[in-house]
Amino acid sequence: MMVDVDGFELSNLPALRSPVVILSFTGWSDTGTVTTDTAQRLVDAYGGRRFLSVDPEDYFVFTDTRPTVKLDGSGIRKVEWPTNEVFAAHMPAADHDLVIVKGTEPNLKWRTFSTRLADILVGLRPSLVCTLVARPAATPHTRPIPVSGSSADPDLAAKYGLGRSMYQGPTGVIGVLHDALRERGASLVSLAAAVPHYLNVDENPPATRALLRALEPMLGYAPPEGDLESESEQFLLRVEEASTGDDNIRSYVRTLEEQYGQPDAESAGDGEEPKAELPSADDILKGIEDLLRENRDT
């Protein structure tokens, strides 16, 4: 049976055991698609089955979030619309199952969107809801990607070694969903990867790998990394190739290396927005971004 309310198409609602819910959205809270790449890896690794999708018609301004055209295997052009989907995976070896939300931050009707999604997720009786964030930060690519966590619940913060968010200011749909889920009594935590702000590219395997590893305490098992180790190595080799011989880039990265590990360099609010303005890398780092894009497209 399919239920369609406000564009939320729910079908074959699974019977789940106290699932851990992972939330990810492209847009405001997802630098380099790191969080949604992490979510997709979980879906692929555990055979997640979609049970909820959202019709984009009422939630997007398509001149702002445009659909894309791609060629299928037969060479036929096909329009792909922005998606919001929820997947479930049964985890027989664990004492709870897994639910993965992978979506695109809507342009419109955030309250309706968040209310509907929160109602559905809370109806699954989750043991924990974990939001994923990837934010631009003054982090050098030559060091491990820092991942910080936060929770407003002191018991959860103590259990997982998390801080408490003190951020106040603009937010994305993740923040609105947090509020809707909190009002419904969900147990909430957030993980945020600090992505080098000068690598403004569509993928960042080292950051995706860092988020996957940071999820282990919440999941109770280590998610498989697949080919992320080799992808991360190749990514960093390309960055090094682009920066070799450029003294300005080397000097800039060395400055970030000296700051690495200081509290302000790794901790920036609740995992949604940086605490202060990032230093500008200007055009000296454009060559790195161009090279990475060229390698991705070939």
Protein backbone atom coordinates (compact mmCIF):
# COMPACT_ATOMS: atom_id res chain seq x y z
CA MET A 1 0.00 0.00 0.00
CA MET A 2 1.25 3.47 -0.89
CA VAL A 3 0.40 6.56 1.15
CA ASP A 4 0.91 10.01 -0.40
CA VAL A 5 0.61 13.04 1.89
CA ASP A 6 2.09 16.41 0.89
CA GLY A 7 4.16 14.64 -1.75
CA PHE A 8 5.60 12.08 0.69
CA GLU A 9 5.14 8.71 -1.00
CA LEU A 10 5.41 6.00 1.64
CA SER A 11 5.23 2.37 0.58
CA ASN A 12 6.00 -0.97 2.20
CA LEU A 13 6.85 0.53 5.56
CA PRO A 14 9.37 -1.92 7.04
CA ALA A 15 9.21 -3.48 10.49
CA LEU A 16 12.42 -2.30 12.12
CA ARG A 17 14.14 -2.86 15.46
CA SER A 18 14.97 0.43 17.21
CA PRO A 19 16.74 1.75 14.12
CA VAL A 20 19.61 4.20 14.11
CA VAL A 21 18.67 6.95 11.64
CA ILE A 22 21.33 8.74 9.57
CA LEU A 23 20.32 12.06 8.00
CA SER A 24 22.14 13.77 5.10
CA PHE A 25 21.21 16.56 2.69
CA THR A 26 23.09 18.29 -0.09
CA GLY A 27 23.11 22.06 0.11
CA TRP A 28 23.86 24.30 3.08
CA SER A 29 25.26 21.54 5.29
CA ASP A 30 27.10 19.40 2.72
CA THR A 31 30.39 20.73 1.39
CA GLY A 32 31.54 18.59 -1.51
CA THR A 33 28.59 16.12 -1.21
CA VAL A 34 30.52 14.48 1.63
CA THR A 35 27.48 13.66 3.78
CA THR A 36 25.34 12.33 0.95
CA ASP A 37 28.27 10.28 -0.35
CA THR A 38 28.59 8.80 3.14
CA ALA A 39 24.88 8.00 3.19
CA GLN A 40 25.01 6.38 -0.25
CA ARG A 41 27.90 4.17 0.84
CA LEU A 42 25.79 2.95 3.77
CA VAL A 43 22.88 2.22 1.42
CA ASP A 44 25.15 0.28 -0.94
CA ALA A 45 27.07 -1.56 1.78
CA TYR A 46 23.99 -2.83 3.60
CA GLY A 47 21.54 -3.24 0.74
CA GLY A 48 19.21 -0.45 1.85
CA ARG A 49 15.74 -0.57 0.32
CA ARG A 50 13.84 2.63 -0.38
CA PHE A 51 10.50 2.95 1.37
CA LEU A 52 9.95 6.70 1.13
CA SER A 53 10.42 9.25 -1.64
CA VAL A 54 9.32 12.87 -1.88
CA ASP A 55 7.79 14.42 -5.00
CA PRO A 56 10.03 17.46 -5.73
CA GLU A 57 7.26 19.47 -7.40
CA ASP A 58 6.09 21.36 -4.29
CA TYR A 59 9.44 21.73 -2.53
CA PHE A 60 11.82 23.14 -5.13
CA VAL A 61 12.25 26.23 -7.26
CA PHE A 62 13.69 24.60 -10.34
CA THR A 63 15.41 27.78 -11.51
CA ASP A 64 17.43 27.61 -8.26
CA THR A 65 17.82 23.84 -7.88
CA ARG A 66 17.77 22.70 -11.47
CA PRO A 67 17.07 19.18 -12.69
CA THR A 68 19.85 17.67 -14.77
CA VAL A 69 19.84 15.86 -18.09
CA LYS A 70 21.87 12.67 -18.47
CA LEU A 71 22.24 9.98 -21.08
CA ASP A 72 21.12 6.49 -20.12
CA GLY A 73 22.79 3.25 -21.27
CA SER A 74 21.01 3.49 -24.62
CA GLY A 75 22.07 7.07 -25.24
CA ILE A 76 18.59 8.45 -24.48
CA ARG A 77 18.45 11.76 -22.67
CA LYS A 78 16.74 11.52 -19.29
CA VAL A 79 15.80 14.26 -16.83
CA GLU A 80 16.87 13.64 -13.22
CA TRP A 81 14.99 15.64 -10.59
CA PRO A 82 16.26 16.58 -7.12
CA THR A 83 15.45 13.71 -4.78
CA ASN A 84 14.71 13.06 -1.14
CA GLU A 85 14.60 9.37 -0.25
CA VAL A 86 14.68 7.16 2.84
CA PHE A 87 16.15 3.66 2.89
CA ALA A 88 15.98 0.84 5.44
CA ALA A 89 18.49 -1.93 6.03
CA HIS A 90 18.02 -4.90 8.35
CA MET A 91 21.14 -5.61 10.39
CA PRO A 92 20.86 -9.20 11.74
CA ALA A 93 24.24 -9.07 13.47
CA ALA A 94 23.34 -5.92 15.44
CA ASP A 95 20.65 -5.22 18.00
CA HIS A 96 19.13 -2.46 15.89
CA ASP A 97 18.43 -1.80 12.23
CA LEU A 98 19.49 1.12 10.05
CA VAL A 99 17.56 3.92 8.32
CA ILE A 100 19.33 6.27 5.91
CA VAL A 101 17.91 9.60 4.74
CA LYS A 102 19.62 10.93 1.62
CA GLY A 103 18.28 14.09 0.09
CA THR A 104 18.56 17.54 -1.42
CA GLU A 105 17.80 20.55 0.75
CA PRO A 106 14.42 21.91 -0.43
CA ASN A 107 13.84 25.50 -1.52
CA LEU A 108 10.27 25.71 -0.22
CA LYS A 109 7.93 24.59 2.59
CA TRP A 110 10.59 23.64 5.10
CA ARG A 111 8.08 23.38 7.96
CA THR A 112 5.82 21.05 6.00
CA PHE A 113 8.77 19.01 4.76
CA SER A 114 10.34 18.71 8.21
CA THR A 115 7.06 17.94 9.96
CA ARG A 116 6.20 15.14 7.56
CA LEU A 117 9.66 13.61 7.64
CA ALA A 118 9.96 13.90 11.43
CA ASP A 119 6.57 12.24 11.94
CA ILE A 120 7.57 9.30 9.75
CA LEU A 121 10.99 8.86 11.33
CA VAL A 122 9.70 9.08 14.91
CA GLY A 123 7.01 6.55 13.97
CA LEU A 124 9.82 4.04 13.37
CA ARG A 125 10.77 4.34 17.07
CA PRO A 126 14.45 5.10 16.44
CA SER A 127 17.00 4.52 19.18
CA LEU A 128 19.12 7.38 17.82
CA VAL A 129 19.04 9.99 15.07
CA CYS A 130 22.41 11.21 13.78
CA THR A 131 22.68 14.14 11.38
CA LEU A 132 25.73 14.41 9.14
CA VAL A 133 27.33 17.73 8.22
CA ALA A 134 30.37 18.70 6.15
CA ARG A 135 31.43 22.30 6.55
CA PRO A 136 34.25 24.33 4.98
CA ALA A 137 37.03 24.88 7.50
CA ALA A 138 40.61 26.08 7.80
CA THR A 139 41.87 22.49 7.65
CA PRO A 140 44.89 21.45 5.56
CA HIS A 141 44.49 18.54 3.15
CA THR A 142 47.77 17.12 4.48
CA ARG A 143 46.22 16.19 7.84
CA PRO A 144 43.36 13.84 8.80
CA ILE A 145 39.92 15.39 8.39
CA PRO A 146 38.66 16.41 11.86
CA VAL A 147 35.17 15.24 12.79
CA SER A 148 33.45 16.86 15.75
CA GLY A 149 30.18 15.86 17.36
CA SER A 150 27.51 17.53 19.44
CA SER A 151 24.31 16.74 21.31
CA ALA A 152 21.98 18.79 23.49
CA ASP A 153 21.30 15.65 25.55
CA PRO A 154 23.94 15.43 28.32
CA ASP A 155 23.57 11.65 28.57
CA LEU A 156 24.18 11.16 24.85
CA ALA A 157 27.03 13.67 24.92
CA ALA A 158 28.69 11.72 27.74
CA LYS A 159 28.06 8.33 26.11
CA TYR A 160 29.65 9.30 22.79
CA GLY A 161 32.16 11.88 24.00
CA LEU A 162 30.42 14.80 22.28
CA GLY A 163 30.28 18.51 22.99
CA ARG A 164 27.25 20.73 23.26
CA SER A 165 26.37 23.14 20.49
CA MET A 166 26.33 26.80 21.43
CA TYR A 167 25.73 28.04 17.89
CA GLN A 168 23.16 30.76 17.20
CA GLY A 169 22.44 32.07 13.72
CA PRO A 170 21.23 31.01 10.28
CA THR A 171 20.55 27.34 9.73
CA GLY A 172 19.68 24.86 7.00
CA VAL A 173 17.02 22.20 6.71
CA ILE A 174 19.12 20.02 9.04
CA GLY A 175 18.57 22.58 11.82
CA VAL A 176 14.82 22.71 11.15
CA LEU A 177 14.61 18.91 11.18
CA HIS A 178 16.58 18.83 14.43
CA ASP A 179 13.96 21.09 15.98
CA ALA A 180 11.04 19.00 14.67
CA LEU A 181 12.63 15.76 15.87
CA ARG A 182 13.51 17.23 19.26
CA GLU A 183 9.89 18.30 19.77
CA ARG A 184 8.88 14.68 19.15
CA GLY A 185 11.32 13.32 21.71
CA ALA A 186 13.94 11.83 19.38
CA SER A 187 17.44 11.16 20.70
CA LEU A 188 19.65 13.43 18.60
CA VAL A 189 23.36 13.72 17.86
CA SER A 190 25.29 15.47 15.09
CA LEU A 191 28.62 14.72 13.40
CA ALA A 192 30.47 17.35 11.37
CA ALA A 193 33.47 16.89 9.09
CA ALA A 194 35.74 19.92 8.70
CA VAL A 195 36.56 19.96 4.96
CA PRO A 196 39.46 22.06 3.60
CA HIS A 197 37.70 25.18 2.38
CA TYR A 198 40.04 25.66 -0.57
CA LEU A 199 39.04 22.32 -2.13
CA ASN A 200 35.69 23.42 -3.50
CA VAL A 201 35.00 20.25 -5.50
CA ASP A 202 32.13 17.82 -5.78
CA GLU A 203 33.78 14.92 -3.96
CA ASN A 204 36.20 14.56 -1.08
CA PRO A 205 36.95 10.88 -0.35
CA PRO A 206 39.12 11.58 2.74
CA ALA A 207 36.24 13.51 4.36
CA THR A 208 33.72 10.80 3.44
CA ARG A 209 36.03 8.20 4.98
CA ALA A 210 36.39 10.28 8.15
CA LEU A 211 32.61 10.55 8.57
CA LEU A 212 32.13 6.82 8.04
CA ARG A 213 34.70 6.07 10.71
CA ALA A 214 33.13 8.57 13.12
CA LEU A 215 29.79 6.74 12.83
CA GLU A 216 31.13 3.54 14.41
CA PRO A 217 30.23 4.41 18.04
CA MET A 218 26.66 5.35 17.04
CA LEU A 219 26.15 2.28 14.87
CA GLY A 220 27.94 -0.17 17.15
CA TYR A 221 29.96 -1.57 14.25
CA ALA A 222 32.48 -0.26 11.75
CA PRO A 223 30.94 0.54 8.34
CA PRO A 224 32.92 -0.94 5.45
CA GLU A 225 35.08 1.61 3.66
CA GLY A 226 35.23 -0.23 0.36
CA ASP A 227 37.57 1.52 -2.05
CA LEU A 228 37.69 4.75 -0.04
CA GLU A 229 41.29 4.20 1.02
CA SER A 230 42.56 4.04 -2.56
CA GLU A 231 40.23 6.85 -3.67
CA SER A 232 41.54 9.03 -0.84
CA GLU A 233 45.14 8.33 -1.79
CA GLN A 234 44.50 9.21 -5.43
CA PHE A 235 42.62 12.37 -4.42
CA LEU A 236 45.50 13.58 -2.25
CA LEU A 237 48.05 12.73 -4.94
CA ARG A 238 46.15 14.93 -7.39
CA VAL A 239 46.05 17.78 -4.88
CA GLU A 240 49.80 17.46 -4.32
CA GLU A 241 50.39 17.37 -8.07
CA ALA A 242 48.45 20.59 -8.51
CA SER A 243 50.27 22.37 -5.70
CA THR A 244 53.83 21.23 -6.52
CA GLY A 245 56.06 24.13 -7.44
CA ASP A 246 53.63 26.84 -6.28
CA ASP A 247 55.24 28.59 -3.32
CA ASN A 248 52.06 30.53 -2.49
CA ILE A 249 50.02 27.36 -2.11
CA ARG A 250 52.75 25.65 -0.10
CA SER A 251 53.01 28.63 2.23
CA TYR A 252 49.23 28.74 2.69
CA VAL A 253 49.01 25.02 3.50
CA ARG A 254 51.93 25.30 5.96
CA THR A 255 50.04 28.04 7.79
CA LEU A 256 47.02 25.77 8.10
CA GLU A 257 49.24 22.92 9.29
CA GLU A 258 50.57 25.13 12.09
CA GLN A 259 47.01 25.91 13.19
CA TYR A 260 45.81 22.32 12.89
CA GLY A 261 44.64 20.79 16.15
CA GLN A 262 43.93 24.08 17.87
CA PRO A 263 40.39 24.15 19.33
CA ASP A 264 39.10 26.93 17.10
CA ALA A 265 40.41 25.17 14.00
CA GLU A 266 38.37 22.04 14.61
CA SER A 267 35.36 23.17 16.59
CA ALA A 268 32.90 25.49 14.93
CA GLY A 269 29.49 25.50 16.50
CA ASP A 270 26.99 22.69 16.08
CA GLY A 271 28.39 21.30 12.87
CA GLU A 272 26.31 23.53 10.62
CA GLU A 273 28.14 26.82 10.29
CA PRO A 274 31.70 28.00 10.95
CA LYS A 275 32.27 30.22 13.97
CA ALA A 276 34.13 32.94 12.09
CA GLU A 277 35.04 34.06 8.59
CA LEU A 278 37.51 31.72 6.94
CA PRO A 279 40.77 33.13 5.59
CA SER A 280 40.59 33.71 1.87
CA ALA A 281 42.57 31.45 -0.39
CA ASP A 282 41.81 33.76 -3.34
CA ASP A 283 42.92 32.64 -6.79
CA ILE A 284 46.16 30.97 -5.70
CA LEU A 285 44.32 27.69 -5.13
CA LYS A 286 42.19 27.74 -8.27
CA GLY A 287 44.63 25.40 -10.00
CA ILE A 288 43.93 22.66 -7.45
CA GLU A 289 40.17 22.87 -8.00
CA ASP A 290 40.56 22.92 -11.78
CA LEU A 291 42.83 19.87 -11.78
CA LEU A 292 40.51 17.86 -9.55
CA ARG A 293 37.53 18.69 -11.75
CA GLU A 294 39.46 17.69 -14.88
CA ASN A 295 40.40 14.34 -13.33
CA ARG A 296 36.80 13.71 -12.24
CA ASP A 297 35.44 14.38 -15.73
CA THR A 298 37.92 12.11 -17.56
